């Protein structure tokens, strides 16, 4: 699997007051996010945002965080819903 698809993407709906649609957040990459009219579009746009984020960090000589392990994410998700 390439590194791009290993980064978890959290997708949630946006309220109508905020324009509706969906927001996609990449928790491992600070400030990396995107949106879309559907969850699939938000996810596809997030993949592009991940690429741009990594390219910018590389150009600036900044470290690129490793993707969070899915087991850690599962634990965080469980804590968030309780």
PDB file of N, CA and C in Angstrom:
ATOM      1  N   UNK A   1       0.860  -1.180   0.000  1.00  0.00           N
ATOM      2  CA  UNK A   1       0.000   0.000   0.000  1.00  0.00           C
ATOM      3  C   UNK A   1       0.900   1.235   0.000  1.00  0.00           C
ATOM      4  N   UNK A   2       0.558   2.236  -0.806  1.00  0.00           N
ATOM      5  CA  UNK A   2       1.407   3.425  -0.798  1.00  0.00           C
ATOM      6  C   UNK A   2       1.059   4.307   0.396  1.00  0.00           C
ATOM      7  N   UNK A   3       1.982   5.167   0.753  1.00  0.00           N
ATOM      8  CA  UNK A   3       1.826   5.974   1.967  1.00  0.00           C
ATOM      9  C   UNK A   3       0.584   6.855   1.913  1.00  0.00           C
ATOM     10  N   UNK A   4       0.227   7.350   0.743  1.00  0.00           N
ATOM     11  CA  UNK A   4      -0.924   8.238   0.605  1.00  0.00           C
ATOM     12  C   UNK A   4      -2.194   7.594   1.140  1.00  0.00           C
ATOM     13  N   UNK A   5      -2.440   6.345   0.770  1.00  0.00           N
ATOM     14  CA  UNK A   5      -3.684   5.693   1.175  1.00  0.00           C
ATOM     15  C   UNK A   5      -3.635   5.164   2.602  1.00  0.00           C
ATOM     16  N   UNK A   6      -2.483   5.240   3.251  1.00  0.00           N
ATOM     17  CA  UNK A   6      -2.381   4.761   4.625  1.00  0.00           C
ATOM     18  C   UNK A   6      -2.823   5.805   5.646  1.00  0.00           C
ATOM     19  N   UNK A   7      -2.900   7.068   5.257  1.00  0.00           N
ATOM     20  CA  UNK A   7      -3.322   8.101   6.197  1.00  0.00           C
ATOM     21  C   UNK A   7      -4.824   8.011   6.416  1.00  0.00           C
ATOM     22  N   UNK A   8      -5.258   7.885   7.674  1.00  0.00           N
ATOM     23  CA  UNK A   8      -6.692   7.853   7.934  1.00  0.00           C
ATOM     24  C   UNK A   8      -7.327   9.203   7.617  1.00  0.00           C
ATOM     25  N   UNK A   9      -8.533   9.138   7.085  1.00  0.00           N
ATOM     26  CA  UNK A   9      -9.298  10.338   6.750  1.00  0.00           C
ATOM     27  C   UNK A   9     -10.623  10.247   7.497  1.00  0.00           C
ATOM     28  N   UNK A  10     -10.913  11.253   8.312  1.00  0.00           N
ATOM     29  CA  UNK A  10     -12.180  11.313   9.043  1.00  0.00           C
ATOM     30  C   UNK A  10     -13.139  12.197   8.261  1.00  0.00           C
ATOM     31  N   UNK A  11     -14.308  11.663   7.964  1.00  0.00           N
ATOM     32  CA  UNK A  11     -15.292  12.404   7.172  1.00  0.00           C
ATOM     33  C   UNK A  11     -16.544  12.596   8.012  1.00  0.00           C
ATOM     34  N   UNK A  12     -17.030  13.819   8.017  1.00  0.00           N
ATOM     35  CA  UNK A  12     -18.278  14.089   8.742  1.00  0.00           C
ATOM     36  C   UNK A  12     -19.085  15.134   7.978  1.00  0.00           C
ATOM     37  N   UNK A  13     -20.403  15.118   8.170  1.00  0.00           N
ATOM     38  CA  UNK A  13     -21.241  16.089   7.461  1.00  0.00           C
ATOM     39  C   UNK A  13     -21.048  17.496   8.008  1.00  0.00           C
ATOM     40  N   UNK A  14     -21.202  18.455   7.120  1.00  0.00           N
ATOM     41  CA  UNK A  14     -21.181  19.864   7.514  1.00  0.00           C
ATOM     42  C   UNK A  14     -22.622  20.344   7.650  1.00  0.00           C
ATOM     43  N   UNK A  15     -22.911  21.155   8.659  1.00  0.00           N
ATOM     44  CA  UNK A  15     -24.265  21.692   8.798  1.00  0.00           C
ATOM     45  C   UNK A  15     -24.625  22.577   7.600  1.00  0.00           C
ATOM     46  N   UNK A  16     -25.901  22.667   7.327  1.00  0.00           N
ATOM     47  CA  UNK A  16     -26.373  23.501   6.211  1.00  0.00           C
ATOM     48  C   UNK A  16     -25.909  24.947   6.369  1.00  0.00           C
ATOM     49  N   UNK A  17     -25.855  25.441   7.609  1.00  0.00           N
ATOM     50  CA  UNK A  17     -25.416  26.813   7.855  1.00  0.00           C
ATOM     51  C   UNK A  17     -23.964  27.024   7.403  1.00  0.00           C
ATOM     52  N   UNK A  18     -23.183  25.941   7.376  1.00  0.00           N
ATOM     53  CA  UNK A  18     -21.792  26.009   6.917  1.00  0.00           C
ATOM     54  C   UNK A  18     -21.654  25.616   5.452  1.00  0.00           C
ATOM     55  N   UNK A  19     -22.766  25.499   4.760  1.00  0.00           N
ATOM     56  CA  UNK A  19     -22.723  25.184   3.333  1.00  0.00           C
ATOM     57  C   UNK A  19     -23.077  23.755   2.990  1.00  0.00           C
ATOM     58  N   UNK A  20     -23.274  22.914   3.992  1.00  0.00           N
ATOM     59  CA  UNK A  20     -23.607  21.520   3.731  1.00  0.00           C
ATOM     60  C   UNK A  20     -22.423  20.755   3.170  1.00  0.00           C
ATOM     61  N   UNK A  21     -22.693  19.581   2.668  1.00  0.00           N
ATOM     62  CA  UNK A  21     -21.632  18.731   2.145  1.00  0.00           C
ATOM     63  C   UNK A  21     -20.915  18.007   3.268  1.00  0.00           C
ATOM     64  N   UNK A  22     -19.672  17.667   3.013  1.00  0.00           N
ATOM     65  CA  UNK A  22     -18.895  16.881   3.963  1.00  0.00           C
ATOM     66  C   UNK A  22     -17.485  17.438   4.076  1.00  0.00           C
ATOM     67  N   UNK A  23     -16.924  17.344   5.279  1.00  0.00           N
ATOM     68  CA  UNK A  23     -15.539  17.752   5.501  1.00  0.00           C
ATOM     69  C   UNK A  23     -14.709  16.492   5.732  1.00  0.00           C
ATOM     70  N   UNK A  24     -13.507  16.493   5.200  1.00  0.00           N
ATOM     71  CA  UNK A  24     -12.575  15.379   5.374  1.00  0.00           C
ATOM     72  C   UNK A  24     -11.332  15.912   6.075  1.00  0.00           C
ATOM     73  N   UNK A  25     -11.035  15.337   7.229  1.00  0.00           N
ATOM     74  CA  UNK A  25      -9.889  15.761   8.036  1.00  0.00           C
ATOM     75  C   UNK A  25      -8.844  14.651   8.057  1.00  0.00           C
ATOM     76  N   UNK A  26      -7.579  15.039   8.010  1.00  0.00           N
ATOM     77  CA  UNK A  26      -6.471  14.081   8.073  1.00  0.00           C
ATOM     78  C   UNK A  26      -5.725  14.365   9.378  1.00  0.00           C
ATOM     79  N   UNK A  27      -6.092  13.665  10.457  1.00  0.00           N
ATOM     80  CA  UNK A  27      -5.556  13.992  11.779  1.00  0.00           C
ATOM     81  C   UNK A  27      -4.037  13.916  11.893  1.00  0.00           C
ATOM     82  N   UNK A  28      -3.403  13.067  11.116  1.00  0.00           N
ATOM     83  CA  UNK A  28      -1.950  12.911  11.212  1.00  0.00           C
ATOM     84  C   UNK A  28      -1.178  14.076  10.603  1.00  0.00           C
ATOM     85  N   UNK A  29      -1.834  14.869   9.751  1.00  0.00           N
ATOM     86  CA  UNK A  29      -1.166  15.965   9.051  1.00  0.00           C
ATOM     87  C   UNK A  29      -1.841  17.273   9.452  1.00  0.00           C
ATOM     88  N   UNK A  30      -1.288  18.002  10.408  1.00  0.00           N
ATOM     89  CA  UNK A  30      -1.931  19.216  10.920  1.00  0.00           C
ATOM     90  C   UNK A  30      -2.345  20.185   9.815  1.00  0.00           C
ATOM     91  N   UNK A  31      -3.617  20.564   9.861  1.00  0.00           N
ATOM     92  CA  UNK A  31      -4.149  21.520   8.893  1.00  0.00           C
ATOM     93  C   UNK A  31      -4.558  20.907   7.574  1.00  0.00           C
ATOM     94  N   UNK A  32      -4.355  19.612   7.405  1.00  0.00           N
ATOM     95  CA  UNK A  32      -4.699  18.951   6.142  1.00  0.00           C
ATOM     96  C   UNK A  32      -6.170  18.552   6.176  1.00  0.00           C
ATOM     97  N   UNK A  33      -6.937  19.166   5.284  1.00  0.00           N
ATOM     98  CA  UNK A  33      -8.370  18.881   5.225  1.00  0.00           C
ATOM     99  C   UNK A  33      -8.899  19.247   3.857  1.00  0.00           C
ATOM    100  N   UNK A  34     -10.097  18.800   3.585  1.00  0.00           N
ATOM    101  CA  UNK A  34     -10.759  19.122   2.327  1.00  0.00           C
ATOM    102  C   UNK A  34     -12.252  18.967   2.550  1.00  0.00           C
ATOM    103  N   UNK A  35     -13.014  19.158   1.489  1.00  0.00           N
ATOM    104  CA  UNK A  35     -14.452  18.956   1.594  1.00  0.00           C
ATOM    105  C   UNK A  35     -14.987  18.470   0.259  1.00  0.00           C
ATOM    106  N   UNK A  36     -16.284  18.190   0.235  1.00  0.00           N
ATOM    107  CA  UNK A  36     -16.929  17.742  -0.990  1.00  0.00           C
ATOM    108  C   UNK A  36     -18.423  17.665  -0.794  1.00  0.00           C
ATOM    109  N   UNK A  37     -19.133  17.528  -1.890  1.00  0.00           N
ATOM    110  CA  UNK A  37     -20.593  17.428  -1.828  1.00  0.00           C
ATOM    111  C   UNK A  37     -21.046  16.075  -1.287  1.00  0.00           C
ATOM    112  N   UNK A  38     -20.222  15.051  -1.442  1.00  0.00           N
ATOM    113  CA  UNK A  38     -20.542  13.705  -0.953  1.00  0.00           C
ATOM    114  C   UNK A  38     -19.342  13.182  -0.166  1.00  0.00           C
ATOM    115  N   UNK A  39     -19.546  12.129   0.634  1.00  0.00           N
ATOM    116  CA  UNK A  39     -18.398  11.554   1.332  1.00  0.00           C
ATOM    117  C   UNK A  39     -17.303  11.088   0.359  1.00  0.00           C
ATOM    118  N   UNK A  40     -17.704  10.508  -0.761  1.00  0.00           N
ATOM    119  CA  UNK A  40     -16.719  10.031  -1.742  1.00  0.00           C
ATOM    120  C   UNK A  40     -15.916  11.190  -2.328  1.00  0.00           C
ATOM    121  N   UNK A  41     -16.593  12.291  -2.632  1.00  0.00           N
ATOM    122  CA  UNK A  41     -15.891  13.459  -3.170  1.00  0.00           C
ATOM    123  C   UNK A  41     -14.960  14.061  -2.116  1.00  0.00           C
ATOM    124  N   UNK A  42     -15.423  14.128  -0.878  1.00  0.00           N
ATOM    125  CA  UNK A  42     -14.582  14.658   0.203  1.00  0.00           C
ATOM    126  C   UNK A  42     -13.341  13.785   0.381  1.00  0.00           C
ATOM    127  N   UNK A  43     -13.508  12.465   0.298  1.00  0.00           N
ATOM    128  CA  UNK A  43     -12.374  11.552   0.437  1.00  0.00           C
ATOM    129  C   UNK A  43     -11.390  11.730  -0.714  1.00  0.00           C
ATOM    130  N   UNK A  44     -11.896  11.803  -1.937  1.00  0.00           N
ATOM    131  CA  UNK A  44     -11.024  11.996  -3.105  1.00  0.00           C
ATOM    132  C   UNK A  44     -10.261  13.313  -2.990  1.00  0.00           C
ATOM    133  N   UNK A  45     -10.948  14.361  -2.566  1.00  0.00           N
ATOM    134  CA  UNK A  45     -10.290  15.657  -2.397  1.00  0.00           C
ATOM    135  C   UNK A  45      -9.247  15.600  -1.279  1.00  0.00           C
ATOM    136  N   UNK A  46      -9.517  14.802  -0.247  1.00  0.00           N
ATOM    137  CA  UNK A  46      -8.554  14.655   0.851  1.00  0.00           C
ATOM    138  C   UNK A  46      -7.283  13.965   0.361  1.00  0.00           C
ATOM    139  N   UNK A  47      -7.418  13.012  -0.550  1.00  0.00           N
ATOM    140  CA  UNK A  47      -6.233  12.345  -1.097  1.00  0.00           C
ATOM    141  C   UNK A  47      -5.337  13.359  -1.802  1.00  0.00           C
ATOM    142  N   UNK A  48      -5.954  14.276  -2.536  1.00  0.00           N
ATOM    143  CA  UNK A  48      -5.192  15.342  -3.190  1.00  0.00           C
ATOM    144  C   UNK A  48      -4.552  16.259  -2.142  1.00  0.00           C
ATOM    145  N   UNK A  49      -5.303  16.582  -1.092  1.00  0.00           N
ATOM    146  CA  UNK A  49      -4.776  17.447  -0.030  1.00  0.00           C
ATOM    147  C   UNK A  49      -3.578  16.793   0.664  1.00  0.00           C
ATOM    148  N   UNK A  50      -3.629  15.481   0.846  1.00  0.00           N
ATOM    149  CA  UNK A  50      -2.506  14.764   1.461  1.00  0.00           C
ATOM    150  C   UNK A  50      -1.262  14.903   0.587  1.00  0.00           C
ATOM    151  N   UNK A  51      -1.435  14.717  -0.712  1.00  0.00           N
ATOM    152  CA  UNK A  51      -0.309  14.847  -1.644  1.00  0.00           C
ATOM    153  C   UNK A  51       0.302  16.237  -1.565  1.00  0.00           C
ATOM    154  N   UNK A  52      -0.547  17.258  -1.600  1.00  0.00           N
ATOM    155  CA  UNK A  52      -0.069  18.644  -1.551  1.00  0.00           C
ATOM    156  C   UNK A  52       0.618  18.922  -0.214  1.00  0.00           C
ATOM    157  N   UNK A  53       0.048  18.432   0.875  1.00  0.00           N
ATOM    158  CA  UNK A  53       0.619  18.647   2.207  1.00  0.00           C
ATOM    159  C   UNK A  53       2.019  18.046   2.278  1.00  0.00           C
ATOM    160  N   UNK A  54       2.154  16.803   1.821  1.00  0.00           N
ATOM    161  CA  UNK A  54       3.450  16.117   1.873  1.00  0.00           C
ATOM    162  C   UNK A  54       4.473  16.824   0.992  1.00  0.00           C
ATOM    163  N   UNK A  55       4.064  17.241  -0.201  1.00  0.00           N
ATOM    164  CA  UNK A  55       4.979  17.965  -1.095  1.00  0.00           C
ATOM    165  C   UNK A  55       5.459  19.268  -0.457  1.00  0.00           C
ATOM    166  N   UNK A  56       4.530  20.014   0.154  1.00  0.00           N
ATOM    167  CA  UNK A  56       4.892  21.287   0.789  1.00  0.00           C
ATOM    168  C   UNK A  56       5.832  21.055   1.970  1.00  0.00           C
ATOM    169  N   UNK A  57       5.535  20.054   2.792  1.00  0.00           N
ATOM    170  CA  UNK A  57       6.399  19.758   3.937  1.00  0.00           C
ATOM    171  C   UNK A  57       7.800  19.370   3.467  1.00  0.00           C
ATOM    172  N   UNK A  58       7.869  18.585   2.404  1.00  0.00           N
ATOM    173  CA  UNK A  58       9.174  18.177   1.860  1.00  0.00           C
ATOM    174  C   UNK A  58       9.964  19.381   1.374  1.00  0.00           C
ATOM    175  N   UNK A  59       9.291  20.264   0.639  1.00  0.00           N
ATOM    176  CA  UNK A  59       9.961  21.456   0.111  1.00  0.00           C
ATOM    177  C   UNK A  59      10.478  22.360   1.228  1.00  0.00           C
ATOM    178  N   UNK A  60       9.750  22.393   2.342  1.00  0.00           N
ATOM    179  CA  UNK A  60      10.140  23.237   3.470  1.00  0.00           C
ATOM    180  C   UNK A  60      11.101  22.534   4.428  1.00  0.00           C
ATOM    181  N   UNK A  61      11.395  21.281   4.150  1.00  0.00           N
ATOM    182  CA  UNK A  61      12.295  20.524   5.015  1.00  0.00           C
ATOM    183  C   UNK A  61      11.677  20.125   6.340  1.00  0.00           C
ATOM    184  N   UNK A  62      10.361  20.075   6.385  1.00  0.00           N
ATOM    185  CA  UNK A  62       9.668  19.707   7.626  1.00  0.00           C
ATOM    186  C   UNK A  62       9.448  18.197   7.679  1.00  0.00           C
ATOM    187  N   UNK A  63       9.381  17.652   8.880  1.00  0.00           N
ATOM    188  CA  UNK A  63       9.156  16.207   8.995  1.00  0.00           C
ATOM    189  C   UNK A  63       7.745  15.831   8.535  1.00  0.00           C
ATOM    190  N   UNK A  64       7.644  14.649   7.982  1.00  0.00           N
ATOM    191  CA  UNK A  64       6.348  14.131   7.536  1.00  0.00           C
ATOM    192  C   UNK A  64       5.957  13.015   8.504  1.00  0.00           C
ATOM    193  N   UNK A  65       4.888  13.223   9.270  1.00  0.00           N
ATOM    194  CA  UNK A  65       4.482  12.211  10.250  1.00  0.00           C
ATOM    195  C   UNK A  65       4.097  10.896   9.574  1.00  0.00           C
ATOM    196  N   UNK A  66       4.358   9.817  10.268  1.00  0.00           N
ATOM    197  CA  UNK A  66       3.916   8.510   9.789  1.00  0.00           C
ATOM    198  C   UNK A  66       2.416   8.387  10.010  1.00  0.00           C
ATOM    199  N   UNK A  67       1.748   7.595   9.168  1.00  0.00           N
ATOM    200  CA  UNK A  67       0.309   7.383   9.376  1.00  0.00           C
ATOM    201  C   UNK A  67       0.046   6.696  10.713  1.00  0.00           C
ATOM    202  N   UNK A  68      -1.046   7.075  11.358  1.00  0.00           N
ATOM    203  CA  UNK A  68      -1.476   6.439  12.597  1.00  0.00           C
ATOM    204  C   UNK A  68      -1.887   5.007  12.310  1.00  0.00           C
ATOM    205  N   UNK A  69      -1.517   4.109  13.194  1.00  0.00           N
ATOM    206  CA  UNK A  69      -1.943   2.721  13.033  1.00  0.00           C
ATOM    207  C   UNK A  69      -3.446   2.621  13.237  1.00  0.00           C
ATOM    208  N   UNK A  70      -4.100   1.777  12.457  1.00  0.00           N
ATOM    209  CA  UNK A  70      -5.556   1.665  12.544  1.00  0.00           C
ATOM    210  C   UNK A  70      -6.002   1.205  13.924  1.00  0.00           C
ATOM    211  N   UNK A  71      -5.208   0.393  14.622  1.00  0.00           N
ATOM    212  CA  UNK A  71      -5.613  -0.041  15.958  1.00  0.00           C
ATOM    213  C   UNK A  71      -5.659   1.139  16.917  1.00  0.00           C
ATOM    214  N   UNK A  72      -4.736   2.063  16.781  1.00  0.00           N
ATOM    215  CA  UNK A  72      -4.752   3.267  17.623  1.00  0.00           C
ATOM    216  C   UNK A  72      -5.964   4.113  17.287  1.00  0.00           C
ATOM    217  N   UNK A  73      -6.272   4.240  16.002  1.00  0.00           N
ATOM    218  CA  UNK A  73      -7.438   5.019  15.597  1.00  0.00           C
ATOM    219  C   UNK A  73      -8.716   4.407  16.135  1.00  0.00           C
ATOM    220  N   UNK A  74      -8.824   3.072  16.084  1.00  0.00           N
ATOM    221  CA  UNK A  74     -10.009   2.404  16.615  1.00  0.00           C
ATOM    222  C   UNK A  74     -10.190   2.749  18.086  1.00  0.00           C
ATOM    223  N   UNK A  75      -9.101   2.764  18.834  1.00  0.00           N
ATOM    224  CA  UNK A  75      -9.154   3.099  20.252  1.00  0.00           C
ATOM    225  C   UNK A  75      -9.613   4.539  20.452  1.00  0.00           C
ATOM    226  N   UNK A  76      -9.064   5.448  19.664  1.00  0.00           N
ATOM    227  CA  UNK A  76      -9.460   6.854  19.777  1.00  0.00           C
ATOM    228  C   UNK A  76     -10.923   7.036  19.416  1.00  0.00           C
ATOM    229  N   UNK A  77     -11.387   6.326  18.393  1.00  0.00           N
ATOM    230  CA  UNK A  77     -12.779   6.440  17.970  1.00  0.00           C
ATOM    231  C   UNK A  77     -13.708   5.946  19.075  1.00  0.00           C
ATOM    232  N   UNK A  78     -13.364   4.810  19.671  1.00  0.00           N
ATOM    233  CA  UNK A  78     -14.202   4.281  20.745  1.00  0.00           C
ATOM    234  C   UNK A  78     -14.296   5.275  21.903  1.00  0.00           C
ATOM    235  N   UNK A  79     -13.186   5.920  22.240  1.00  0.00           N
ATOM    236  CA  UNK A  79     -13.202   6.900  23.328  1.00  0.00           C
ATOM    237  C   UNK A  79     -14.051   8.112  22.956  1.00  0.00           C
ATOM    238  N   UNK A  80     -14.048   8.472  21.684  1.00  0.00           N
ATOM    239  CA  UNK A  80     -14.784   9.658  21.244  1.00  0.00           C
ATOM    240  C   UNK A  80     -16.289   9.448  21.275  1.00  0.00           C
ATOM    241  N   UNK A  81     -16.753   8.196  21.120  1.00  0.00           N
ATOM    242  CA  UNK A  81     -18.201   7.991  21.071  1.00  0.00           C
ATOM    243  C   UNK A  81     -18.794   7.623  22.420  1.00  0.00           C
ATOM    244  N   UNK A  82     -17.952   7.387  23.433  1.00  0.00           N
ATOM    245  CA  UNK A  82     -18.482   7.071  24.761  1.00  0.00           C
ATOM    246  C   UNK A  82     -18.567   8.295  25.614  1.00  0.00           C
TER     247      UNK A  82
END
